[in-house]
Amino acid sequence: AYADCMVKDHVAAVELFENGSASLTDKDLKKFVDKTLPTLRDH
């Protein structure tokens, strides 16, 4: 159940961060998003 949850959660997290990368204009948040997104994809 933990493994299944981690797959689903990280699909949702990647989608959230992709949306953030595409739409956020705040400089610091955008930098955080773009730096974190590759790690979430690895997760």
Full PDB file with SEQRES, HELIX, SHEET, SSBOND, CRYST1, ORIGX, SCALE, CONECT and MASTER records, all heavy atoms in Angstrom:
SEQRES   1 A   43  ALA TYR ALA ASP CYS MET VAL LYS ASP HIS VAL ALA ALA          
SEQRES   2 A   43  VAL GLU LEU PHE GLU ASN GLY SER ALA SER LEU THR ASP          
SEQRES   3 A   43  LYS ASP LEU LYS LYS PHE VAL ASP LYS THR LEU PRO THR          
SEQRES   4 A   43  LEU ARG ASP HIS                                              
HELIX    1 AA1 TYR A    2  SER A   23  1                                  22    
HELIX    2 AA2 LYS A   27  ASP A   42  1                                  16    
CRYST1    1.000    1.000    1.000  90.00  90.00  90.00 P 1           1          
ORIGX1      1.000000  0.000000  0.000000        0.00000                         
ORIGX2      0.000000  1.000000  0.000000        0.00000                         
ORIGX3      0.000000  0.000000  1.000000        0.00000                         
SCALE1      1.000000  0.000000  0.000000        0.00000                         
SCALE2      0.000000  1.000000  0.000000        0.00000                         
SCALE3      0.000000  0.000000  1.000000        0.00000                         
ATOM      1  N   ALA A   1       0.826  -1.202   0.000  1.00  0.00           N  
ATOM      2  CA  ALA A   1       0.000   0.000   0.000  1.00  0.00           C  
ATOM      3  C   ALA A   1       0.865   1.258   0.000  1.00  0.00           C  
ATOM      4  O   ALA A   1       0.523   2.258  -0.654  1.00  0.00           O  
ATOM      5  CB  ALA A   1      -0.926  -0.006   1.219  1.00  0.00           C  
ATOM      6  N   TYR A   2       1.984   1.211   0.695  1.00  0.00           N  
ATOM      7  CA  TYR A   2       2.905   2.354   0.730  1.00  0.00           C  
ATOM      8  C   TYR A   2       3.490   2.603  -0.653  1.00  0.00           C  
ATOM      9  O   TYR A   2       3.529   3.747  -1.129  1.00  0.00           O  
ATOM     10  CB  TYR A   2       4.017   2.087   1.735  1.00  0.00           C  
ATOM     11  CG  TYR A   2       5.095   3.155   1.779  1.00  0.00           C  
ATOM     12  CD1 TYR A   2       4.791   4.467   2.133  1.00  0.00           C  
ATOM     13  CD2 TYR A   2       6.418   2.837   1.468  1.00  0.00           C  
ATOM     14  CE1 TYR A   2       5.782   5.451   2.173  1.00  0.00           C  
ATOM     15  CE2 TYR A   2       7.410   3.813   1.511  1.00  0.00           C  
ATOM     16  CZ  TYR A   2       7.087   5.108   1.864  1.00  0.00           C  
ATOM     17  OH  TYR A   2       8.070   6.077   1.897  1.00  0.00           O  
ATOM     18  N   ALA A   3       3.923   1.550  -1.323  1.00  0.00           N  
ATOM     19  CA  ALA A   3       4.471   1.701  -2.675  1.00  0.00           C  
ATOM     20  C   ALA A   3       3.423   2.250  -3.638  1.00  0.00           C  
ATOM     21  O   ALA A   3       3.704   3.154  -4.436  1.00  0.00           O  
ATOM     22  CB  ALA A   3       5.010   0.363  -3.171  1.00  0.00           C  
ATOM     23  N   ASP A   4       2.208   1.714  -3.567  1.00  0.00           N  
ATOM     24  CA  ASP A   4       1.128   2.210  -4.424  1.00  0.00           C  
ATOM     25  C   ASP A   4       0.855   3.689  -4.153  1.00  0.00           C  
ATOM     26  O   ASP A   4       0.664   4.491  -5.078  1.00  0.00           O  
ATOM     27  CB  ASP A   4      -0.152   1.406  -4.196  1.00  0.00           C  
ATOM     28  CG  ASP A   4      -0.052  -0.031  -4.671  1.00  0.00           C  
ATOM     29  OD1 ASP A   4       0.889  -0.351  -5.436  1.00  0.00           O  
ATOM     30  OD2 ASP A   4      -0.905  -0.848  -4.271  1.00  0.00           O  
ATOM     31  N   CYS A   5       0.830   4.055  -2.875  1.00  0.00           N  
ATOM     32  CA  CYS A   5       0.588   5.442  -2.491  1.00  0.00           C  
ATOM     33  C   CYS A   5       1.685   6.357  -3.018  1.00  0.00           C  
ATOM     34  O   CYS A   5       1.403   7.463  -3.508  1.00  0.00           O  
ATOM     35  CB  CYS A   5       0.508   5.535  -0.969  1.00  0.00           C  
ATOM     36  SG  CYS A   5       0.304   7.211  -0.322  1.00  0.00           S  
ATOM     37  N   MET A   6       2.924   5.900  -2.950  1.00  0.00           N  
ATOM     38  CA  MET A   6       4.036   6.728  -3.406  1.00  0.00           C  
ATOM     39  C   MET A   6       3.989   6.972  -4.913  1.00  0.00           C  
ATOM     40  O   MET A   6       4.332   8.052  -5.385  1.00  0.00           O  
ATOM     41  CB  MET A   6       5.373   6.094  -3.012  1.00  0.00           C  
ATOM     42  CG  MET A   6       5.661   6.115  -1.520  1.00  0.00           C  
ATOM     43  SD  MET A   6       5.741   7.816  -0.830  1.00  0.00           S  
ATOM     44  CE  MET A   6       4.087   7.991  -0.146  1.00  0.00           C  
ATOM     45  N   VAL A   7       3.569   5.973  -5.668  1.00  0.00           N  
ATOM     46  CA  VAL A   7       3.419   6.172  -7.111  1.00  0.00           C  
ATOM     47  C   VAL A   7       2.352   7.230  -7.377  1.00  0.00           C  
ATOM     48  O   VAL A   7       2.578   8.202  -8.110  1.00  0.00           O  
ATOM     49  CB  VAL A   7       3.049   4.848  -7.818  1.00  0.00           C  
ATOM     50  CG1 VAL A   7       2.656   5.112  -9.273  1.00  0.00           C  
ATOM     51  CG2 VAL A   7       4.220   3.870  -7.764  1.00  0.00           C  
ATOM     52  N   LYS A   8       1.195   7.080  -6.763  1.00  0.00           N  
ATOM     53  CA  LYS A   8       0.095   8.017  -7.003  1.00  0.00           C  
ATOM     54  C   LYS A   8       0.437   9.422  -6.503  1.00  0.00           C  
ATOM     55  O   LYS A   8       0.168  10.420  -7.193  1.00  0.00           O  
ATOM     56  CB  LYS A   8      -1.172   7.513  -6.304  1.00  0.00           C  
ATOM     57  CG  LYS A   8      -1.750   6.269  -6.939  1.00  0.00           C  
ATOM     58  CD  LYS A   8      -3.027   5.843  -6.235  1.00  0.00           C  
ATOM     59  CE  LYS A   8      -3.655   4.631  -6.894  1.00  0.00           C  
ATOM     60  NZ  LYS A   8      -4.904   4.213  -6.223  1.00  0.00           N  
ATOM     61  N   ASP A   9       1.023   9.484  -5.329  1.00  0.00           N  
ATOM     62  CA  ASP A   9       1.357  10.798  -4.772  1.00  0.00           C  
ATOM     63  C   ASP A   9       2.365  11.539  -5.639  1.00  0.00           C  
ATOM     64  O   ASP A   9       2.286  12.765  -5.803  1.00  0.00           O  
ATOM     65  CB  ASP A   9       1.929  10.648  -3.363  1.00  0.00           C  
ATOM     66  CG  ASP A   9       0.843  10.483  -2.303  1.00  0.00           C  
ATOM     67  OD1 ASP A   9      -0.349  10.469  -2.673  1.00  0.00           O  
ATOM     68  OD2 ASP A   9       1.191  10.379  -1.112  1.00  0.00           O  
ATOM     69  N   HIS A  10       3.319  10.817  -6.184  1.00  0.00           N  
ATOM     70  CA  HIS A  10       4.344  11.500  -6.982  1.00  0.00           C  
ATOM     71  C   HIS A  10       3.846  11.849  -8.386  1.00  0.00           C  
ATOM     72  O   HIS A  10       4.332  12.804  -8.988  1.00  0.00           O  
ATOM     73  CB  HIS A  10       5.630  10.678  -7.012  1.00  0.00           C  
ATOM     74  CG  HIS A  10       6.419  10.830  -5.751  1.00  0.00           C  
ATOM     75  ND1 HIS A  10       6.280   9.951  -4.692  1.00  0.00           N  
ATOM     76  CD2 HIS A  10       7.298  11.780  -5.358  1.00  0.00           C  
ATOM     77  CE1 HIS A  10       7.073  10.357  -3.704  1.00  0.00           C  
ATOM     78  NE2 HIS A  10       7.697  11.467  -4.081  1.00  0.00           N  
ATOM     79  N   VAL A  11       2.886  11.114  -8.900  1.00  0.00           N  
ATOM     80  CA  VAL A  11       2.237  11.553 -10.135  1.00  0.00           C  
ATOM     81  C   VAL A  11       1.543  12.898  -9.876  1.00  0.00           C  
ATOM     82  O   VAL A  11       1.672  13.851 -10.651  1.00  0.00           O  
ATOM     83  CB  VAL A  11       1.221  10.515 -10.641  1.00  0.00           C  
ATOM     84  CG1 VAL A  11       0.349  11.103 -11.742  1.00  0.00           C  
ATOM     85  CG2 VAL A  11       1.934   9.281 -11.163  1.00  0.00           C  
ATOM     86  N   ALA A  12       0.807  12.970  -8.767  1.00  0.00           N  
ATOM     87  CA  ALA A  12       0.098  14.205  -8.429  1.00  0.00           C  
ATOM     88  C   ALA A  12       1.071  15.346  -8.142  1.00  0.00           C  
ATOM     89  O   ALA A  12       0.834  16.491  -8.537  1.00  0.00           O  
ATOM     90  CB  ALA A  12      -0.810  13.964  -7.225  1.00  0.00           C  
ATOM     91  N   ALA A  13       2.173  15.035  -7.456  1.00  0.00           N  
ATOM     92  CA  ALA A  13       3.155  16.077  -7.131  1.00  0.00           C  
ATOM     93  C   ALA A  13       3.825  16.615  -8.391  1.00  0.00           C  
ATOM     94  O   ALA A  13       4.024  17.832  -8.527  1.00  0.00           O  
ATOM     95  CB  ALA A  13       4.205  15.522  -6.172  1.00  0.00           C  
ATOM     96  N   VAL A  14       4.183  15.730  -9.305  1.00  0.00           N  
ATOM     97  CA  VAL A  14       4.793  16.183 -10.559  1.00  0.00           C  
ATOM     98  C   VAL A  14       3.818  17.061 -11.332  1.00  0.00           C  
ATOM     99  O   VAL A  14       4.200  18.107 -11.879  1.00  0.00           O  
ATOM    100  CB  VAL A  14       5.247  14.982 -11.414  1.00  0.00           C  
ATOM    101  CG1 VAL A  14       5.616  15.436 -12.830  1.00  0.00           C  
ATOM    102  CG2 VAL A  14       6.442  14.293 -10.768  1.00  0.00           C  
ATOM    103  N   GLU A  15       2.559  16.679 -11.359  1.00  0.00           N  
ATOM    104  CA  GLU A  15       1.569  17.504 -12.058  1.00  0.00           C  
ATOM    105  C   GLU A  15       1.463  18.886 -11.414  1.00  0.00           C  
ATOM    106  O   GLU A  15       1.426  19.909 -12.114  1.00  0.00           O  
ATOM    107  CB  GLU A  15       0.203  16.823 -12.049  1.00  0.00           C  
ATOM    108  CG  GLU A  15      -0.858  17.617 -12.814  1.00  0.00           C  
ATOM    109  CD  GLU A  15      -2.218  16.957 -12.801  1.00  0.00           C  
ATOM    110  OE1 GLU A  15      -2.358  15.872 -12.212  1.00  0.00           O  
ATOM    111  OE2 GLU A  15      -3.150  17.547 -13.369  1.00  0.00           O  
ATOM    112  N   LEU A  16       1.422  18.925 -10.083  1.00  0.00           N  
ATOM    113  CA  LEU A  16       1.350  20.198  -9.379  1.00  0.00           C  
ATOM    114  C   LEU A  16       2.554  21.073  -9.716  1.00  0.00           C  
ATOM    115  O   LEU A  16       2.411  22.270 -10.010  1.00  0.00           O  
ATOM    116  CB  LEU A  16       1.286  19.954  -7.866  1.00  0.00           C  
ATOM    117  CG  LEU A  16       1.392  21.194  -6.982  1.00  0.00           C  
ATOM    118  CD1 LEU A  16       0.175  22.101  -7.156  1.00  0.00           C  
ATOM    119  CD2 LEU A  16       1.556  20.794  -5.515  1.00  0.00           C  
ATOM    120  N   PHE A  17       3.749  20.488  -9.679  1.00  0.00           N  
ATOM    121  CA  PHE A  17       4.958  21.269  -9.935  1.00  0.00           C  
ATOM    122  C   PHE A  17       5.069  21.669 -11.410  1.00  0.00           C  
ATOM    123  O   PHE A  17       5.591  22.735 -11.724  1.00  0.00           O  
ATOM    124  CB  PHE A  17       6.190  20.491  -9.482  1.00  0.00           C  
ATOM    125  CG  PHE A  17       6.511  20.685  -8.019  1.00  0.00           C  
ATOM    126  CD1 PHE A  17       5.657  20.210  -7.039  1.00  0.00           C  
ATOM    127  CD2 PHE A  17       7.662  21.346  -7.624  1.00  0.00           C  
ATOM    128  CE1 PHE A  17       5.934  20.388  -5.689  1.00  0.00           C  
ATOM    129  CE2 PHE A  17       7.952  21.544  -6.286  1.00  0.00           C  
ATOM    130  CZ  PHE A  17       7.088  21.063  -5.307  1.00  0.00           C  
ATOM    131  N   GLU A  18       4.580  20.835 -12.306  1.00  0.00           N  
ATOM    132  CA  GLU A  18       4.563  21.228 -13.720  1.00  0.00           C  
ATOM    133  C   GLU A  18       3.630  22.418 -13.925  1.00  0.00           C  
ATOM    134  O   GLU A  18       3.951  23.352 -14.676  1.00  0.00           O  
ATOM    135  CB  GLU A  18       4.134  20.053 -14.589  1.00  0.00           C  
ATOM    136  CG  GLU A  18       5.206  18.987 -14.749  1.00  0.00           C  
ATOM    137  CD  GLU A  18       4.747  17.807 -15.585  1.00  0.00           C  
ATOM    138  OE1 GLU A  18       3.520  17.651 -15.760  1.00  0.00           O  
ATOM    139  OE2 GLU A  18       5.601  17.040 -16.046  1.00  0.00           O  
ATOM    140  N   ASN A  19       2.471  22.384 -13.274  1.00  0.00           N  
ATOM    141  CA  ASN A  19       1.560  23.523 -13.359  1.00  0.00           C  
ATOM    142  C   ASN A  19       2.209  24.773 -12.774  1.00  0.00           C  
ATOM    143  O   ASN A  19       2.069  25.877 -13.308  1.00  0.00           O  
ATOM    144  CB  ASN A  19       0.255  23.211 -12.612  1.00  0.00           C  
ATOM    145  CG  ASN A  19      -0.599  22.185 -13.328  1.00  0.00           C  
ATOM    146  OD1 ASN A  19      -0.468  21.994 -14.533  1.00  0.00           O  
ATOM    147  ND2 ASN A  19      -1.465  21.511 -12.590  1.00  0.00           N  
ATOM    148  N   GLY A  20       2.922  24.590 -11.655  1.00  0.00           N  
ATOM    149  CA  GLY A  20       3.614  25.719 -11.050  1.00  0.00           C  
ATOM    150  C   GLY A  20       4.695  26.277 -11.935  1.00  0.00           C  
ATOM    151  O   GLY A  20       4.850  27.499 -12.066  1.00  0.00           O  
ATOM    152  N   SER A  21       5.444  25.395 -12.562  1.00  0.00           N  
ATOM    153  CA  SER A  21       6.514  25.841 -13.452  1.00  0.00           C  
ATOM    154  C   SER A  21       5.965  26.644 -14.623  1.00  0.00           C  
ATOM    155  O   SER A  21       6.590  27.602 -15.089  1.00  0.00           O  
ATOM    156  CB  SER A  21       7.303  24.632 -13.969  1.00  0.00           C  
ATOM    157  OG  SER A  21       8.358  25.038 -14.815  1.00  0.00           O  
ATOM    158  N   ALA A  22       4.793  26.240 -15.099  1.00  0.00           N  
ATOM    159  CA  ALA A  22       4.208  26.897 -16.270  1.00  0.00           C  
ATOM    160  C   ALA A  22       3.515  28.214 -15.928  1.00  0.00           C  
ATOM    161  O   ALA A  22       3.415  29.100 -16.787  1.00  0.00           O  
ATOM    162  CB  ALA A  22       3.208  25.957 -16.938  1.00  0.00           C  
ATOM    163  N   SER A  23       3.042  28.372 -14.683  1.00  0.00           N  
ATOM    164  CA  SER A  23       2.186  29.523 -14.405  1.00  0.00           C  
ATOM    165  C   SER A  23       2.703  30.467 -13.322  1.00  0.00           C  
ATOM    166  O   SER A  23       2.277  31.623 -13.275  1.00  0.00           O  
ATOM    167  CB  SER A  23       0.780  29.045 -14.007  1.00  0.00           C  
ATOM    168  OG  SER A  23       0.826  28.243 -12.836  1.00  0.00           O  
ATOM    169  N   LEU A  24       3.592  30.022 -12.455  1.00  0.00           N  
ATOM    170  CA  LEU A  24       4.071  30.902 -11.389  1.00  0.00           C  
ATOM    171  C   LEU A  24       5.035  31.949 -11.946  1.00  0.00           C  
ATOM    172  O   LEU A  24       5.906  31.635 -12.754  1.00  0.00           O  
ATOM    173  CB  LEU A  24       4.770  30.088 -10.295  1.00  0.00           C  
ATOM    174  CG  LEU A  24       3.877  29.211  -9.423  1.00  0.00           C  
ATOM    175  CD1 LEU A  24       4.729  28.328  -8.522  1.00  0.00           C  
ATOM    176  CD2 LEU A  24       2.918  30.061  -8.582  1.00  0.00           C  
ATOM    177  N   THR A  25       4.873  33.171 -11.485  1.00  0.00           N  
ATOM    178  CA  THR A  25       5.779  34.243 -11.899  1.00  0.00           C  
ATOM    179  C   THR A  25       6.665  34.713 -10.746  1.00  0.00           C  
ATOM    180  O   THR A  25       7.608  35.463 -10.968  1.00  0.00           O  
ATOM    181  CB  THR A  25       4.983  35.439 -12.441  1.00  0.00           C  
ATOM    182  OG1 THR A  25       4.068  35.899 -11.436  1.00  0.00           O  
ATOM    183  CG2 THR A  25       4.212  35.043 -13.691  1.00  0.00           C  
ATOM    184  N   ASP A  26       6.335  34.294  -9.533  1.00  0.00           N  
ATOM    185  CA  ASP A  26       7.156  34.633  -8.378  1.00  0.00           C  
ATOM    186  C   ASP A  26       8.553  34.033  -8.553  1.00  0.00           C  
ATOM    187  O   ASP A  26       8.701  32.832  -8.745  1.00  0.00           O  
ATOM    188  CB  ASP A  26       6.492  34.081  -7.104  1.00  0.00           C  
ATOM    189  CG  ASP A  26       7.301  34.371  -5.857  1.00  0.00           C  
ATOM    190  OD1 ASP A  26       8.281  33.632  -5.624  1.00  0.00           O  
ATOM    191  OD2 ASP A  26       6.970  35.321  -5.133  1.00  0.00           O  
ATOM    192  N   LYS A  27       9.563  34.871  -8.507  1.00  0.00           N  
ATOM    193  CA  LYS A  27      10.928  34.451  -8.828  1.00  0.00           C  
ATOM    194  C   LYS A  27      11.423  33.325  -7.927  1.00  0.00           C  
ATOM    195  O   LYS A  27      11.949  32.318  -8.419  1.00  0.00           O  
ATOM    196  CB  LYS A  27      11.870  35.653  -8.736  1.00  0.00           C  
ATOM    197  CG  LYS A  27      13.317  35.327  -9.075  1.00  0.00           C  
ATOM    198  CD  LYS A  27      14.187  36.571  -8.971  1.00  0.00           C  
ATOM    199  CE  LYS A  27      15.648  36.222  -9.250  1.00  0.00           C  
ATOM    200  NZ  LYS A  27      16.518  37.437  -9.143  1.00  0.00           N  
ATOM    201  N   ASP A  28      11.279  33.479  -6.619  1.00  0.00           N  
ATOM    202  CA  ASP A  28      11.805  32.480  -5.691  1.00  0.00           C  
ATOM    203  C   ASP A  28      11.035  31.164  -5.772  1.00  0.00           C  
ATOM    204  O   ASP A  28      11.622  30.081  -5.727  1.00  0.00           O  
ATOM    205  CB  ASP A  28      11.780  33.015  -4.262  1.00  0.00           C  
ATOM    206  CG  ASP A  28      12.793  34.128  -4.043  1.00  0.00           C  
ATOM    207  OD1 ASP A  28      13.805  34.158  -4.787  1.00  0.00           O  
ATOM    208  OD2 ASP A  28      12.583  34.967  -3.150  1.00  0.00           O  
ATOM    209  N   LEU A  29       9.706  31.254  -5.870  1.00  0.00           N  
ATOM    210  CA  LEU A  29       8.906  30.034  -5.989  1.00  0.00           C  
ATOM    211  C   LEU A  29       9.213  29.308  -7.290  1.00  0.00           C  
ATOM    212  O   LEU A  29       9.322  28.075  -7.323  1.00  0.00           O  
ATOM    213  CB  LEU A  29       7.410  30.363  -5.930  1.00  0.00           C  
ATOM    214  CG  LEU A  29       6.734  30.362  -4.560  1.00  0.00           C  
ATOM    215  CD1 LEU A  29       5.249  30.675  -4.710  1.00  0.00           C  
ATOM    216  CD2 LEU A  29       6.935  29.041  -3.834  1.00  0.00           C  
ATOM    217  N   LYS A  30       9.333  30.063  -8.376  1.00  0.00           N  
ATOM    218  CA  LYS A  30       9.626  29.456  -9.676  1.00  0.00           C  
ATOM    219  C   LYS A  30      10.982  28.744  -9.636  1.00  0.00           C  
ATOM    220  O   LYS A  30      11.132  27.634 -10.176  1.00  0.00           O  
ATOM    221  CB  LYS A  30       9.637  30.550 -10.751  1.00  0.00           C  
ATOM    222  CG  LYS A  30       9.891  30.055 -12.167  1.00  0.00           C  
ATOM    223  CD  LYS A  30       8.707  29.276 -12.710  1.00  0.00           C  
ATOM    224  CE  LYS A  30       8.765  29.157 -14.235  1.00  0.00           C  
ATOM    225  NZ  LYS A  30      10.025  28.583 -14.743  1.00  0.00           N  
ATOM    226  N   LYS A  31      11.965  29.362  -9.010  1.00  0.00           N  
ATOM    227  CA  LYS A  31      13.277  28.735  -8.890  1.00  0.00           C  
ATOM    228  C   LYS A  31      13.190  27.449  -8.087  1.00  0.00           C  
ATOM    229  O   LYS A  31      13.787  26.420  -8.441  1.00  0.00           O  
ATOM    230  CB  LYS A  31      14.254  29.710  -8.225  1.00  0.00           C  
ATOM    231  CG  LYS A  31      15.666  29.171  -8.083  1.00  0.00           C  
ATOM    232  CD  LYS A  31      16.575  30.216  -7.451  1.00  0.00           C  
ATOM    233  CE  LYS A  31      17.991  29.666  -7.269  1.00  0.00           C  
ATOM    234  NZ  LYS A  31      18.881  30.683  -6.636  1.00  0.00           N  
ATOM    235  N   PHE A  32      12.423  27.488  -6.986  1.00  0.00           N  
ATOM    236  CA  PHE A  32      12.221  26.293  -6.163  1.00  0.00           C  
ATOM    237  C   PHE A  32      11.556  25.182  -6.959  1.00  0.00           C  
ATOM    238  O   PHE A  32      11.967  24.019  -6.909  1.00  0.00           O  
ATOM    239  CB  PHE A  32      11.379  26.651  -4.938  1.00  0.00           C  
ATOM    240  CG  PHE A  32      10.880  25.462  -4.166  1.00  0.00           C  
ATOM    241  CD1 PHE A  32      11.721  24.762  -3.317  1.00  0.00           C  
ATOM    242  CD2 PHE A  32       9.563  25.044  -4.295  1.00  0.00           C  
ATOM    243  CE1 PHE A  32      11.265  23.661  -2.606  1.00  0.00           C  
ATOM    244  CE2 PHE A  32       9.088  23.943  -3.591  1.00  0.00           C  
ATOM    245  CZ  PHE A  32       9.943  23.247  -2.748  1.00  0.00           C  
ATOM    246  N   VAL A  33      10.522  25.542  -7.697  1.00  0.00           N  
ATOM    247  CA  VAL A  33       9.784  24.557  -8.491  1.00  0.00           C  
ATOM    248  C   VAL A  33      10.687  23.899  -9.519  1.00  0.00           C  
ATOM    249  O   VAL A  33      10.743  22.664  -9.633  1.00  0.00           O  
ATOM    250  CB  VAL A  33       8.585  25.222  -9.195  1.00  0.00           C  
ATOM    251  CG1 VAL A  33       8.003  24.305 -10.259  1.00  0.00           C  
ATOM    252  CG2 VAL A  33       7.510  25.591  -8.176  1.00  0.00           C  
ATOM    253  N   ASP A  34      11.403  24.694 -10.278  1.00  0.00           N  
ATOM    254  CA  ASP A  34      12.213  24.151 -11.365  1.00  0.00           C  
ATOM    255  C   ASP A  34      13.392  23.321 -10.850  1.00  0.00           C  
ATOM    256  O   ASP A  34      13.854  22.398 -11.532  1.00  0.00           O  
ATOM    257  CB  ASP A  34      12.720  25.291 -12.253  1.00  0.00           C  
ATOM    258  CG  ASP A  34      11.593  25.931 -13.051  1.00  0.00           C  
ATOM    259  OD1 ASP A  34      10.536  25.291 -13.207  1.00  0.00           O  
ATOM    260  OD2 ASP A  34      11.766  27.084 -13.508  1.00  0.00           O  
ATOM    261  N   LYS A  35      13.870  23.636  -9.661  1.00  0.00           N  
ATOM    262  CA  LYS A  35      14.962  22.853  -9.085  1.00  0.00           C  
ATOM    263  C   LYS A  35      14.455  21.548  -8.480  1.00  0.00           C  
ATOM    264  O   LYS A  35      15.168  20.540  -8.485  1.00  0.00           O  
ATOM    265  CB  LYS A  35      15.684  23.680  -8.005  1.00  0.00           C  
ATOM    266  CG  LYS A  35      16.944  23.012  -7.479  1.00  0.00           C  
ATOM    267  CD  LYS A  35      17.677  23.918  -6.515  1.00  0.00           C  
ATOM    268  CE  LYS A  35      18.958  23.228  -6.015  1.00  0.00           C  
ATOM    269  NZ  LYS A  35      19.712  24.086  -5.069  1.00  0.00           N  
ATOM    270  N   THR A  36      13.227  21.558  -7.979  1.00  0.00           N  
ATOM    271  CA  THR A  36      12.670  20.393  -7.294  1.00  0.00           C  
ATOM    272  C   THR A  36      12.032  19.400  -8.248  1.00  0.00           C  
ATOM    273  O   THR A  36      12.029  18.193  -7.991  1.00  0.00           O  
ATOM    274  CB  THR A  36      11.626  20.846  -6.252  1.00  0.00           C  
ATOM    275  OG1 THR A  36      12.218  21.796  -5.360  1.00  0.00           O  
ATOM    276  CG2 THR A  36      11.110  19.668  -5.435  1.00  0.00           C  
ATOM    277  N   LEU A  37      11.495  19.882  -9.347  1.00  0.00           N  
ATOM    278  CA  LEU A  37      10.751  19.026 -10.273  1.00  0.00           C  
ATOM    279  C   LEU A  37      11.542  17.804 -10.760  1.00  0.00           C  
ATOM    280  O   LEU A  37      10.996  16.692 -10.790  1.00  0.00           O  
ATOM    281  CB  LEU A  37      10.258  19.863 -11.455  1.00  0.00           C  
ATOM    282  CG  LEU A  37       9.332  19.192 -12.466  1.00  0.00           C  
ATOM    283  CD1 LEU A  37       8.154  18.494 -11.789  1.00  0.00           C  
ATOM    284  CD2 LEU A  37       8.833  20.222 -13.479  1.00  0.00           C  
ATOM    285  N   PRO A  38      12.816  17.935 -11.141  1.00  0.00           N  
ATOM    286  CA  PRO A  38      13.554  16.732 -11.570  1.00  0.00           C  
ATOM    287  C   PRO A  38      13.646  15.668 -10.481  1.00  0.00           C  
ATOM    288  O   PRO A  38      13.587  14.466 -10.765  1.00  0.00           O  
ATOM    289  CB  PRO A  38      14.940  17.282 -11.929  1.00  0.00           C  
ATOM    290  CG  PRO A  38      14.710  18.723 -12.255  1.00  0.00           C  
ATOM    291  CD  PRO A  38      13.628  19.157 -11.317  1.00  0.00           C  
ATOM    292  N   THR A  39      13.765  16.105  -9.233  1.00  0.00           N  
ATOM    293  CA  THR A  39      13.838  15.152  -8.132  1.00  0.00           C  
ATOM    294  C   THR A  39      12.516  14.418  -7.958  1.00  0.00           C  
ATOM    295  O   THR A  39      12.487  13.216  -7.696  1.00  0.00           O  
ATOM    296  CB  THR A  39      14.216  15.871  -6.831  1.00  0.00           C  
ATOM    297  OG1 THR A  39      15.472  16.522  -7.018  1.00  0.00           O  
ATOM    298  CG2 THR A  39      14.331  14.893  -5.679  1.00  0.00           C  
ATOM    299  N   LEU A  40      11.415  15.128  -8.103  1.00  0.00           N  
ATOM    300  CA  LEU A  40      10.107  14.486  -7.991  1.00  0.00           C  
ATOM    301  C   LEU A  40       9.909  13.457  -9.093  1.00  0.00           C  
ATOM    302  O   LEU A  40       9.311  12.397  -8.874  1.00  0.00           O  
ATOM    303  CB  LEU A  40       8.997  15.537  -8.040  1.00  0.00           C  
ATOM    304  CG  LEU A  40       8.937  16.503  -6.855  1.00  0.00           C  
ATOM    305  CD1 LEU A  40       7.854  17.552  -7.084  1.00  0.00           C  
ATOM    306  CD2 LEU A  40       8.688  15.748  -5.553  1.00  0.00           C  
ATOM    307  N   ARG A  41      10.406  13.753 -10.277  1.00  0.00           N  
ATOM    308  CA  ARG A  41      10.313  12.778 -11.366  1.00  0.00           C  
ATOM    309  C   ARG A  41      11.154  11.538 -11.043  1.00  0.00           C  
ATOM    310  O   ARG A  41      10.738  10.404 -11.331  1.00  0.00           O  
ATOM    311  CB  ARG A  41      10.759  13.418 -12.672  1.00  0.00           C  
ATOM    312  CG  ARG A  41       9.762  14.425 -13.224  1.00  0.00           C  
ATOM    313  CD  ARG A  41      10.271  15.101 -14.473  1.00  0.00           C  
ATOM    314  NE  ARG A  41       9.260  15.987 -15.059  1.00  0.00           N  
ATOM    315  CZ  ARG A  41       9.544  17.112 -15.684  1.00  0.00           C  
ATOM    316  NH1 ARG A  41      10.794  17.524 -15.785  1.00  0.00           N  
ATOM    317  NH2 ARG A  41       8.573  17.860 -16.193  1.00  0.00           N  
ATOM    318  N   ASP A  42      12.317  11.755 -10.456  1.00  0.00           N  
ATOM    319  CA  ASP A  42      13.130  10.611 -10.023  1.00  0.00           C  
ATOM    320  C   ASP A  42      12.406   9.805  -8.948  1.00  0.00           C  
ATOM    321  O   ASP A  42      12.429   8.577  -8.951  1.00  0.00           O  
ATOM    322  CB  ASP A  42      14.474  11.095  -9.479  1.00  0.00           C  
ATOM    323  CG  ASP A  42      15.464  11.418 -10.581  1.00  0.00           C  
ATOM    324  OD1 ASP A  42      15.219  11.022 -11.739  1.00  0.00           O  
ATOM    325  OD2 ASP A  42      16.475  12.071 -10.296  1.00  0.00           O  
ATOM    326  N   HIS A  43      11.761  10.509  -8.032  1.00  0.00           N  
ATOM    327  CA  HIS A  43      11.003   9.814  -6.982  1.00  0.00           C  
ATOM    328  C   HIS A  43       9.907   8.941  -7.587  1.00  0.00           C  
ATOM    329  O   HIS A  43       9.662   7.829  -7.114  1.00  0.00           O  
ATOM    330  CB  HIS A  43      10.365  10.831  -6.037  1.00  0.00           C  
ATOM    331  CG  HIS A  43      11.336  11.494  -5.115  1.00  0.00           C  
ATOM    332  ND1 HIS A  43      10.949  12.449  -4.199  1.00  0.00           N  
ATOM    333  CD2 HIS A  43      12.678  11.339  -4.956  1.00  0.00           C  
ATOM    334  CE1 HIS A  43      12.009  12.861  -3.521  1.00  0.00           C  
ATOM    335  NE2 HIS A  43      13.063  12.204  -3.976  1.00  0.00           N  
TER     336      HIS A  43                                                      
MASTER        0    0    0    2    0    0    0    6  335    1    0    4          
END                                                                             
